Amino acid sequence: MNKTLADRSETMKVVNETMKVPVPVLDTFILKSNDFSRPPGAAADYSAIQKMFDIYSDAGQLTKPVDIKALKHPTLFAPIE
């Protein structure tokens, strides 16, 4: 994570190459205050993930909108002990 945070532009290049999402789209959230993160215990921030899906949808990166609620399994959540 330290390397990711140390060079934001390089991180965006890697994400762009991996996810095929344009850098201008990534620039709207990658390593910014609206980026989803993993707080202690590794619980996902589902509202932030939904915002990411919405950004991808608005940019035409998804063939149809994604509802994070449809992907969230009720028995799988952090922290898993």
PDB file of N, CA and C in Angstrom:
ATOM      1  N   MET A   1       0.823  -1.192   0.000  1.00  0.00           N
ATOM      2  CA  MET A   1       0.000   0.000   0.000  1.00  0.00           C
ATOM      3  C   MET A   1       0.868   1.257   0.000  1.00  0.00           C
ATOM      4  N   ASN A   2       2.008   1.194   0.663  1.00  0.00           N
ATOM      5  CA  ASN A   2       2.893   2.361   0.675  1.00  0.00           C
ATOM      6  C   ASN A   2       3.325   2.744  -0.736  1.00  0.00           C
ATOM      7  N   LYS A   3       3.628   1.757  -1.580  1.00  0.00           N
ATOM      8  CA  LYS A   3       4.016   2.048  -2.961  1.00  0.00           C
ATOM      9  C   LYS A   3       2.839   2.647  -3.738  1.00  0.00           C
ATOM     10  N   THR A   4       1.651   2.147  -3.470  1.00  0.00           N
ATOM     11  CA  THR A   4       0.450   2.671  -4.117  1.00  0.00           C
ATOM     12  C   THR A   4       0.265   4.143  -3.778  1.00  0.00           C
ATOM     13  N   LEU A   5       0.426   4.474  -2.530  1.00  0.00           N
ATOM     14  CA  LEU A   5       0.238   5.850  -2.070  1.00  0.00           C
ATOM     15  C   LEU A   5       1.390   6.763  -2.476  1.00  0.00           C
ATOM     16  N   ALA A   6       2.568   6.200  -2.663  1.00  0.00           N
ATOM     17  CA  ALA A   6       3.751   7.012  -2.954  1.00  0.00           C
ATOM     18  C   ALA A   6       3.719   7.646  -4.338  1.00  0.00           C
ATOM     19  N   ASP A   7       3.081   6.985  -5.296  1.00  0.00           N
ATOM     20  CA  ASP A   7       3.084   7.493  -6.674  1.00  0.00           C
ATOM     21  C   ASP A   7       1.703   7.293  -7.290  1.00  0.00           C
ATOM     22  N   ARG A   8       0.822   8.255  -7.069  1.00  0.00           N
ATOM     23  CA  ARG A   8      -0.570   8.154  -7.523  1.00  0.00           C
ATOM     24  C   ARG A   8      -0.670   7.982  -9.030  1.00  0.00           C
ATOM     25  N   SER A   9       0.135   8.723  -9.791  1.00  0.00           N
ATOM     26  CA  SER A   9       0.031   8.628 -11.253  1.00  0.00           C
ATOM     27  C   SER A   9       0.420   7.235 -11.737  1.00  0.00           C
ATOM     28  N   GLU A  10       1.431   6.643 -11.143  1.00  0.00           N
ATOM     29  CA  GLU A  10       1.822   5.277 -11.523  1.00  0.00           C
ATOM     30  C   GLU A  10       0.736   4.279 -11.111  1.00  0.00           C
ATOM     31  N   THR A  11       0.138   4.493  -9.963  1.00  0.00           N
ATOM     32  CA  THR A  11      -0.958   3.632  -9.521  1.00  0.00           C
ATOM     33  C   THR A  11      -2.108   3.679 -10.513  1.00  0.00           C
ATOM     34  N   MET A  12      -2.446   4.879 -10.979  1.00  0.00           N
ATOM     35  CA  MET A  12      -3.533   5.008 -11.951  1.00  0.00           C
ATOM     36  C   MET A  12      -3.182   4.332 -13.272  1.00  0.00           C
ATOM     37  N   LYS A  13      -1.915   4.390 -13.689  1.00  0.00           N
ATOM     38  CA  LYS A  13      -1.498   3.698 -14.914  1.00  0.00           C
ATOM     39  C   LYS A  13      -1.696   2.189 -14.779  1.00  0.00           C
ATOM     40  N   VAL A  14      -1.309   1.649 -13.623  1.00  0.00           N
ATOM     41  CA  VAL A  14      -1.443   0.209 -13.393  1.00  0.00           C
ATOM     42  C   VAL A  14      -2.917  -0.189 -13.376  1.00  0.00           C
ATOM     43  N   VAL A  15      -3.750   0.588 -12.682  1.00  0.00           N
ATOM     44  CA  VAL A  15      -5.184   0.290 -12.641  1.00  0.00           C
ATOM     45  C   VAL A  15      -5.781   0.404 -14.044  1.00  0.00           C
ATOM     46  N   ASN A  16      -5.378   1.419 -14.788  1.00  0.00           N
ATOM     47  CA  ASN A  16      -5.835   1.602 -16.166  1.00  0.00           C
ATOM     48  C   ASN A  16      -5.488   0.381 -17.019  1.00  0.00           C
ATOM     49  N   GLU A  17      -4.259  -0.086 -16.932  1.00  0.00           N
ATOM     50  CA  GLU A  17      -3.833  -1.239 -17.725  1.00  0.00           C
ATOM     51  C   GLU A  17      -4.556  -2.513 -17.311  1.00  0.00           C
ATOM     52  N   THR A  18      -4.830  -2.644 -16.036  1.00  0.00           N
ATOM     53  CA  THR A  18      -5.478  -3.848 -15.519  1.00  0.00           C
ATOM     54  C   THR A  18      -6.979  -3.841 -15.764  1.00  0.00           C
ATOM     55  N   MET A  19      -7.625  -2.729 -15.447  1.00  0.00           N
ATOM     56  CA  MET A  19      -9.091  -2.650 -15.491  1.00  0.00           C
ATOM     57  C   MET A  19      -9.628  -2.077 -16.800  1.00  0.00           C
ATOM     58  N   LYS A  20      -8.730  -1.488 -17.619  1.00  0.00           N
ATOM     59  CA  LYS A  20      -9.125  -0.856 -18.884  1.00  0.00           C
ATOM     60  C   LYS A  20     -10.107   0.294 -18.667  1.00  0.00           C
ATOM     61  N   VAL A  21      -9.945   0.988 -17.547  1.00  0.00           N
ATOM     62  CA  VAL A  21     -10.746   2.176 -17.244  1.00  0.00           C
ATOM     63  C   VAL A  21      -9.871   3.390 -17.565  1.00  0.00           C
ATOM     64  N   PRO A  22     -10.378   4.351 -18.321  1.00  0.00           N
ATOM     65  CA  PRO A  22      -9.564   5.516 -18.684  1.00  0.00           C
ATOM     66  C   PRO A  22      -9.056   6.281 -17.456  1.00  0.00           C
ATOM     67  N   VAL A  23      -7.835   6.772 -17.542  1.00  0.00           N
ATOM     68  CA  VAL A  23      -7.233   7.512 -16.433  1.00  0.00           C
ATOM     69  C   VAL A  23      -8.105   8.699 -16.005  1.00  0.00           C
ATOM     70  N   PRO A  24      -8.728   9.467 -16.927  1.00  0.00           N
ATOM     71  CA  PRO A  24      -9.590  10.564 -16.467  1.00  0.00           C
ATOM     72  C   PRO A  24     -10.752  10.081 -15.581  1.00  0.00           C
ATOM     73  N   VAL A  25     -11.256   8.882 -15.835  1.00  0.00           N
ATOM     74  CA  VAL A  25     -12.319   8.325 -14.979  1.00  0.00           C
ATOM     75  C   VAL A  25     -11.718   7.947 -13.631  1.00  0.00           C
ATOM     76  N   LEU A  26     -10.579   7.273 -13.645  1.00  0.00           N
ATOM     77  CA  LEU A  26      -9.926   6.890 -12.389  1.00  0.00           C
ATOM     78  C   LEU A  26      -9.572   8.115 -11.560  1.00  0.00           C
ATOM     79  N   ASP A  27      -9.207   9.189 -12.232  1.00  0.00           N
ATOM     80  CA  ASP A  27      -8.806  10.405 -11.539  1.00  0.00           C
ATOM     81  C   ASP A  27      -9.925  11.005 -10.699  1.00  0.00           C
ATOM     82  N   THR A  28     -11.166  10.604 -10.969  1.00  0.00           N
ATOM     83  CA  THR A  28     -12.282  11.152 -10.186  1.00  0.00           C
ATOM     84  C   THR A  28     -12.365  10.546  -8.783  1.00  0.00           C
ATOM     85  N   PHE A  29     -11.678   9.395  -8.553  1.00  0.00           N
ATOM     86  CA  PHE A  29     -11.794   8.811  -7.220  1.00  0.00           C
ATOM     87  C   PHE A  29     -10.548   8.092  -6.692  1.00  0.00           C
ATOM     88  N   ILE A  30      -9.655   7.615  -7.547  1.00  0.00           N
ATOM     89  CA  ILE A  30      -8.516   6.825  -7.059  1.00  0.00           C
ATOM     90  C   ILE A  30      -7.661   7.642  -6.093  1.00  0.00           C
ATOM     91  N   LEU A  31      -7.506   7.106  -4.885  1.00  0.00           N
ATOM     92  CA  LEU A  31      -6.694   7.711  -3.828  1.00  0.00           C
ATOM     93  C   LEU A  31      -7.126   9.133  -3.484  1.00  0.00           C
ATOM     94  N   LYS A  32      -8.427   9.362  -3.558  1.00  0.00           N
ATOM     95  CA  LYS A  32      -9.007  10.630  -3.125  1.00  0.00           C
ATOM     96  C   LYS A  32      -9.967  10.335  -1.971  1.00  0.00           C
ATOM     97  N   SER A  33     -10.533  11.376  -1.406  1.00  0.00           N
ATOM     98  CA  SER A  33     -11.394  11.198  -0.232  1.00  0.00           C
ATOM     99  C   SER A  33     -12.634  10.354  -0.519  1.00  0.00           C
ATOM    100  N   ASN A  34     -13.081  10.285  -1.782  1.00  0.00           N
ATOM    101  CA  ASN A  34     -14.262   9.483  -2.113  1.00  0.00           C
ATOM    102  C   ASN A  34     -13.902   8.070  -2.576  1.00  0.00           C
ATOM    103  N   ASP A  35     -12.628   7.703  -2.497  1.00  0.00           N
ATOM    104  CA  ASP A  35     -12.189   6.347  -2.829  1.00  0.00           C
ATOM    105  C   ASP A  35     -12.612   5.424  -1.691  1.00  0.00           C
ATOM    106  N   PHE A  36     -13.081   4.232  -2.056  1.00  0.00           N
ATOM    107  CA  PHE A  36     -13.421   3.312  -0.981  1.00  0.00           C
ATOM    108  C   PHE A  36     -12.147   2.762  -0.359  1.00  0.00           C
ATOM    109  N   SER A  37     -12.226   2.479   0.911  1.00  0.00           N
ATOM    110  CA  SER A  37     -11.055   1.982   1.632  1.00  0.00           C
ATOM    111  C   SER A  37     -11.480   0.833   2.525  1.00  0.00           C
ATOM    112  N   ARG A  38     -10.511   0.243   3.137  1.00  0.00           N
ATOM    113  CA  ARG A  38     -10.783  -0.835   4.065  1.00  0.00           C
ATOM    114  C   ARG A  38     -10.397  -0.372   5.467  1.00  0.00           C
ATOM    115  N   PRO A  39     -11.380  -0.028   6.282  1.00  0.00           N
ATOM    116  CA  PRO A  39     -11.061   0.396   7.642  1.00  0.00           C
ATOM    117  C   PRO A  39     -10.571  -0.798   8.467  1.00  0.00           C
ATOM    118  N   PRO A  40     -10.104  -0.555   9.678  1.00  0.00           N
ATOM    119  CA  PRO A  40      -9.678  -1.678  10.523  1.00  0.00           C
ATOM    120  C   PRO A  40     -10.784  -2.740  10.587  1.00  0.00           C
ATOM    121  N   GLY A  41     -10.392  -3.975  10.465  1.00  0.00           N
ATOM    122  CA  GLY A  41     -11.365  -5.064  10.434  1.00  0.00           C
ATOM    123  C   GLY A  41     -11.735  -5.448   9.014  1.00  0.00           C
ATOM    124  N   ALA A  42     -11.299  -4.670   8.035  1.00  0.00           N
ATOM    125  CA  ALA A  42     -11.477  -4.948   6.607  1.00  0.00           C
ATOM    126  C   ALA A  42     -12.917  -4.901   6.118  1.00  0.00           C
ATOM    127  N   ALA A  43     -13.782  -4.214   6.824  1.00  0.00           N
ATOM    128  CA  ALA A  43     -15.160  -4.078   6.354  1.00  0.00           C
ATOM    129  C   ALA A  43     -15.193  -3.190   5.120  1.00  0.00           C
ATOM    130  N   ALA A  44     -15.878  -3.635   4.094  1.00  0.00           N
ATOM    131  CA  ALA A  44     -15.981  -2.856   2.859  1.00  0.00           C
ATOM    132  C   ALA A  44     -16.955  -1.697   3.028  1.00  0.00           C
ATOM    133  N   ASP A  45     -16.676  -0.591   2.376  1.00  0.00           N
ATOM    134  CA  ASP A  45     -17.560   0.566   2.365  1.00  0.00           C
ATOM    135  C   ASP A  45     -18.448   0.439   1.124  1.00  0.00           C
ATOM    136  N   TYR A  46     -19.605  -0.200   1.287  1.00  0.00           N
ATOM    137  CA  TYR A  46     -20.455  -0.513   0.141  1.00  0.00           C
ATOM    138  C   TYR A  46     -21.015   0.718  -0.553  1.00  0.00           C
ATOM    139  N   SER A  47     -21.270   1.787   0.178  1.00  0.00           N
ATOM    140  CA  SER A  47     -21.776   2.994  -0.485  1.00  0.00           C
ATOM    141  C   SER A  47     -20.689   3.605  -1.378  1.00  0.00           C
ATOM    142  N   ALA A  48     -19.434   3.554  -0.938  1.00  0.00           N
ATOM    143  CA  ALA A  48     -18.337   4.066  -1.767  1.00  0.00           C
ATOM    144  C   ALA A  48     -18.112   3.171  -2.984  1.00  0.00           C
ATOM    145  N   ILE A  49     -18.246   1.867  -2.814  1.00  0.00           N
ATOM    146  CA  ILE A  49     -18.106   0.948  -3.948  1.00  0.00           C
ATOM    147  C   ILE A  49     -19.223   1.210  -4.954  1.00  0.00           C
ATOM    148  N   GLN A  50     -20.437   1.491  -4.461  1.00  0.00           N
ATOM    149  CA  GLN A  50     -21.545   1.810  -5.362  1.00  0.00           C
ATOM    150  C   GLN A  50     -21.236   3.063  -6.165  1.00  0.00           C
ATOM    151  N   LYS A  51     -20.647   4.070  -5.512  1.00  0.00           N
ATOM    152  CA  LYS A  51     -20.276   5.301  -6.221  1.00  0.00           C
ATOM    153  C   LYS A  51     -19.265   5.007  -7.328  1.00  0.00           C
ATOM    154  N   MET A  52     -18.308   4.085  -7.055  1.00  0.00           N
ATOM    155  CA  MET A  52     -17.340   3.700  -8.078  1.00  0.00           C
ATOM    156  C   MET A  52     -18.050   3.049  -9.265  1.00  0.00           C
ATOM    157  N   PHE A  53     -18.989   2.133  -8.988  1.00  0.00           N
ATOM    158  CA  PHE A  53     -19.749   1.504 -10.071  1.00  0.00           C
ATOM    159  C   PHE A  53     -20.527   2.548 -10.868  1.00  0.00           C
ATOM    160  N   ASP A  54     -21.093   3.530 -10.171  1.00  0.00           N
ATOM    161  CA  ASP A  54     -21.846   4.590 -10.846  1.00  0.00           C
ATOM    162  C   ASP A  54     -20.934   5.407 -11.769  1.00  0.00           C
ATOM    163  N   ILE A  55     -19.717   5.700 -11.310  1.00  0.00           N
ATOM    164  CA  ILE A  55     -18.751   6.431 -12.133  1.00  0.00           C
ATOM    165  C   ILE A  55     -18.423   5.620 -13.376  1.00  0.00           C
ATOM    166  N   TYR A  56     -18.174   4.318 -13.201  1.00  0.00           N
ATOM    167  CA  TYR A  56     -17.878   3.443 -14.338  1.00  0.00           C
ATOM    168  C   TYR A  56     -19.062   3.400 -15.301  1.00  0.00           C
ATOM    169  N   SER A  57     -20.263   3.323 -14.778  1.00  0.00           N
ATOM    170  CA  SER A  57     -21.458   3.271 -15.614  1.00  0.00           C
ATOM    171  C   SER A  57     -21.622   4.572 -16.405  1.00  0.00           C
ATOM    172  N   ASP A  58     -21.472   5.698 -15.722  1.00  0.00           N
ATOM    173  CA  ASP A  58     -21.599   7.004 -16.383  1.00  0.00           C
ATOM    174  C   ASP A  58     -20.550   7.187 -17.481  1.00  0.00           C
ATOM    175  N   ALA A  59     -19.385   6.564 -17.298  1.00  0.00           N
ATOM    176  CA  ALA A  59     -18.306   6.678 -18.280  1.00  0.00           C
ATOM    177  C   ALA A  59     -18.439   5.666 -19.414  1.00  0.00           C
ATOM    178  N   GLY A  60     -19.484   4.825 -19.343  1.00  0.00           N
ATOM    179  CA  GLY A  60     -19.690   3.832 -20.392  1.00  0.00           C
ATOM    180  C   GLY A  60     -18.814   2.599 -20.256  1.00  0.00           C
ATOM    181  N   GLN A  61     -18.230   2.402 -19.085  1.00  0.00           N
ATOM    182  CA  GLN A  61     -17.359   1.252 -18.863  1.00  0.00           C
ATOM    183  C   GLN A  61     -18.135  -0.017 -18.513  1.00  0.00           C
ATOM    184  N   LEU A  62     -19.389   0.135 -18.150  1.00  0.00           N
ATOM    185  CA  LEU A  62     -20.245  -1.014 -17.825  1.00  0.00           C
ATOM    186  C   LEU A  62     -21.370  -1.082 -18.849  1.00  0.00           C
ATOM    187  N   THR A  63     -21.771  -2.288 -19.216  1.00  0.00           N
ATOM    188  CA  THR A  63     -22.851  -2.434 -20.194  1.00  0.00           C
ATOM    189  C   THR A  63     -24.210  -2.119 -19.583  1.00  0.00           C
ATOM    190  N   LYS A  64     -24.311  -2.239 -18.262  1.00  0.00           N
ATOM    191  CA  LYS A  64     -25.529  -1.850 -17.555  1.00  0.00           C
ATOM    192  C   LYS A  64     -25.147  -1.449 -16.135  1.00  0.00           C
ATOM    193  N   PRO A  65     -25.954  -0.633 -15.480  1.00  0.00           N
ATOM    194  CA  PRO A  65     -25.638  -0.224 -14.111  1.00  0.00           C
ATOM    195  C   PRO A  65     -25.556  -1.432 -13.170  1.00  0.00           C
ATOM    196  N   VAL A  66     -24.738  -1.307 -12.143  1.00  0.00           N
ATOM    197  CA  VAL A  66     -24.571  -2.368 -11.148  1.00  0.00           C
ATOM    198  C   VAL A  66     -25.105  -1.869  -9.816  1.00  0.00           C
ATOM    199  N   ASP A  67     -25.901  -2.707  -9.167  1.00  0.00           N
ATOM    200  CA  ASP A  67     -26.407  -2.397  -7.832  1.00  0.00           C
ATOM    201  C   ASP A  67     -25.610  -3.226  -6.835  1.00  0.00           C
ATOM    202  N   ILE A  68     -24.823  -2.563  -6.009  1.00  0.00           N
ATOM    203  CA  ILE A  68     -23.957  -3.264  -5.059  1.00  0.00           C
ATOM    204  C   ILE A  68     -24.758  -4.162  -4.128  1.00  0.00           C
ATOM    205  N   LYS A  69     -26.004  -3.795  -3.839  1.00  0.00           N
ATOM    206  CA  LYS A  69     -26.826  -4.626  -2.947  1.00  0.00           C
ATOM    207  C   LYS A  69     -27.022  -6.023  -3.523  1.00  0.00           C
ATOM    208  N   ALA A  70     -27.052  -6.129  -4.840  1.00  0.00           N
ATOM    209  CA  ALA A  70     -27.230  -7.432  -5.479  1.00  0.00           C
ATOM    210  C   ALA A  70     -25.982  -8.300  -5.344  1.00  0.00           C
ATOM    211  N   LEU A  71     -24.833  -7.688  -5.080  1.00  0.00           N
ATOM    212  CA  LEU A  71     -23.581  -8.429  -4.968  1.00  0.00           C
ATOM    213  C   LEU A  71     -23.171  -8.707  -3.529  1.00  0.00           C
ATOM    214  N   LYS A  72     -23.811  -8.044  -2.590  1.00  0.00           N
ATOM    215  CA  LYS A  72     -23.446  -8.176  -1.176  1.00  0.00           C
ATOM    216  C   LYS A  72     -24.121  -9.412  -0.586  1.00  0.00           C
ATOM    217  N   HIS A  73     -23.297 -10.365  -0.191  1.00  0.00           N
ATOM    218  CA  HIS A  73     -23.835 -11.589   0.407  1.00  0.00           C
ATOM    219  C   HIS A  73     -24.085 -11.343   1.892  1.00  0.00           C
ATOM    220  N   PRO A  74     -25.266 -11.682   2.402  1.00  0.00           N
ATOM    221  CA  PRO A  74     -25.607 -11.331   3.789  1.00  0.00           C
ATOM    222  C   PRO A  74     -24.777 -12.040   4.857  1.00  0.00           C
ATOM    223  N   THR A  75     -24.124 -13.146   4.520  1.00  0.00           N
ATOM    224  CA  THR A  75     -23.348 -13.857   5.546  1.00  0.00           C
ATOM    225  C   THR A  75     -21.845 -13.655   5.414  1.00  0.00           C
ATOM    226  N   LEU A  76     -21.427 -12.943   4.367  1.00  0.00           N
ATOM    227  CA  LEU A  76     -19.996 -12.691   4.197  1.00  0.00           C
ATOM    228  C   LEU A  76     -19.712 -11.211   4.424  1.00  0.00           C
ATOM    229  N   PHE A  77     -19.151 -10.913   5.543  1.00  0.00           N
ATOM    230  CA  PHE A  77     -18.822  -9.534   5.861  1.00  0.00           C
ATOM    231  C   PHE A  77     -17.681  -9.504   6.865  1.00  0.00           C
ATOM    232  N   ALA A  78     -16.981  -8.427   6.909  1.00  0.00           N
ATOM    233  CA  ALA A  78     -15.837  -8.290   7.819  1.00  0.00           C
ATOM    234  C   ALA A  78     -16.304  -7.667   9.129  1.00  0.00           C
ATOM    235  N   PRO A  79     -15.591  -7.882  10.194  1.00  0.00           N
ATOM    236  CA  PRO A  79     -14.412  -8.756  10.243  1.00  0.00           C
ATOM    237  C   PRO A  79     -14.825 -10.226  10.365  1.00  0.00           C
ATOM    238  N   ILE A  80     -14.119 -11.040   9.634  1.00  0.00           N
ATOM    239  CA  ILE A  80     -14.328 -12.491   9.744  1.00  0.00           C
ATOM    240  C   ILE A  80     -13.303 -12.985  10.744  1.00  0.00           C
ATOM    241  N   GLU A  81     -13.776 -13.601  11.773  1.00  0.00           N
ATOM    242  CA  GLU A  81     -12.889 -14.053  12.858  1.00  0.00           C
ATOM    243  C   GLU A  81     -12.667 -15.548  12.748  1.00  0.00           C
TER     244      GLU A  81
END
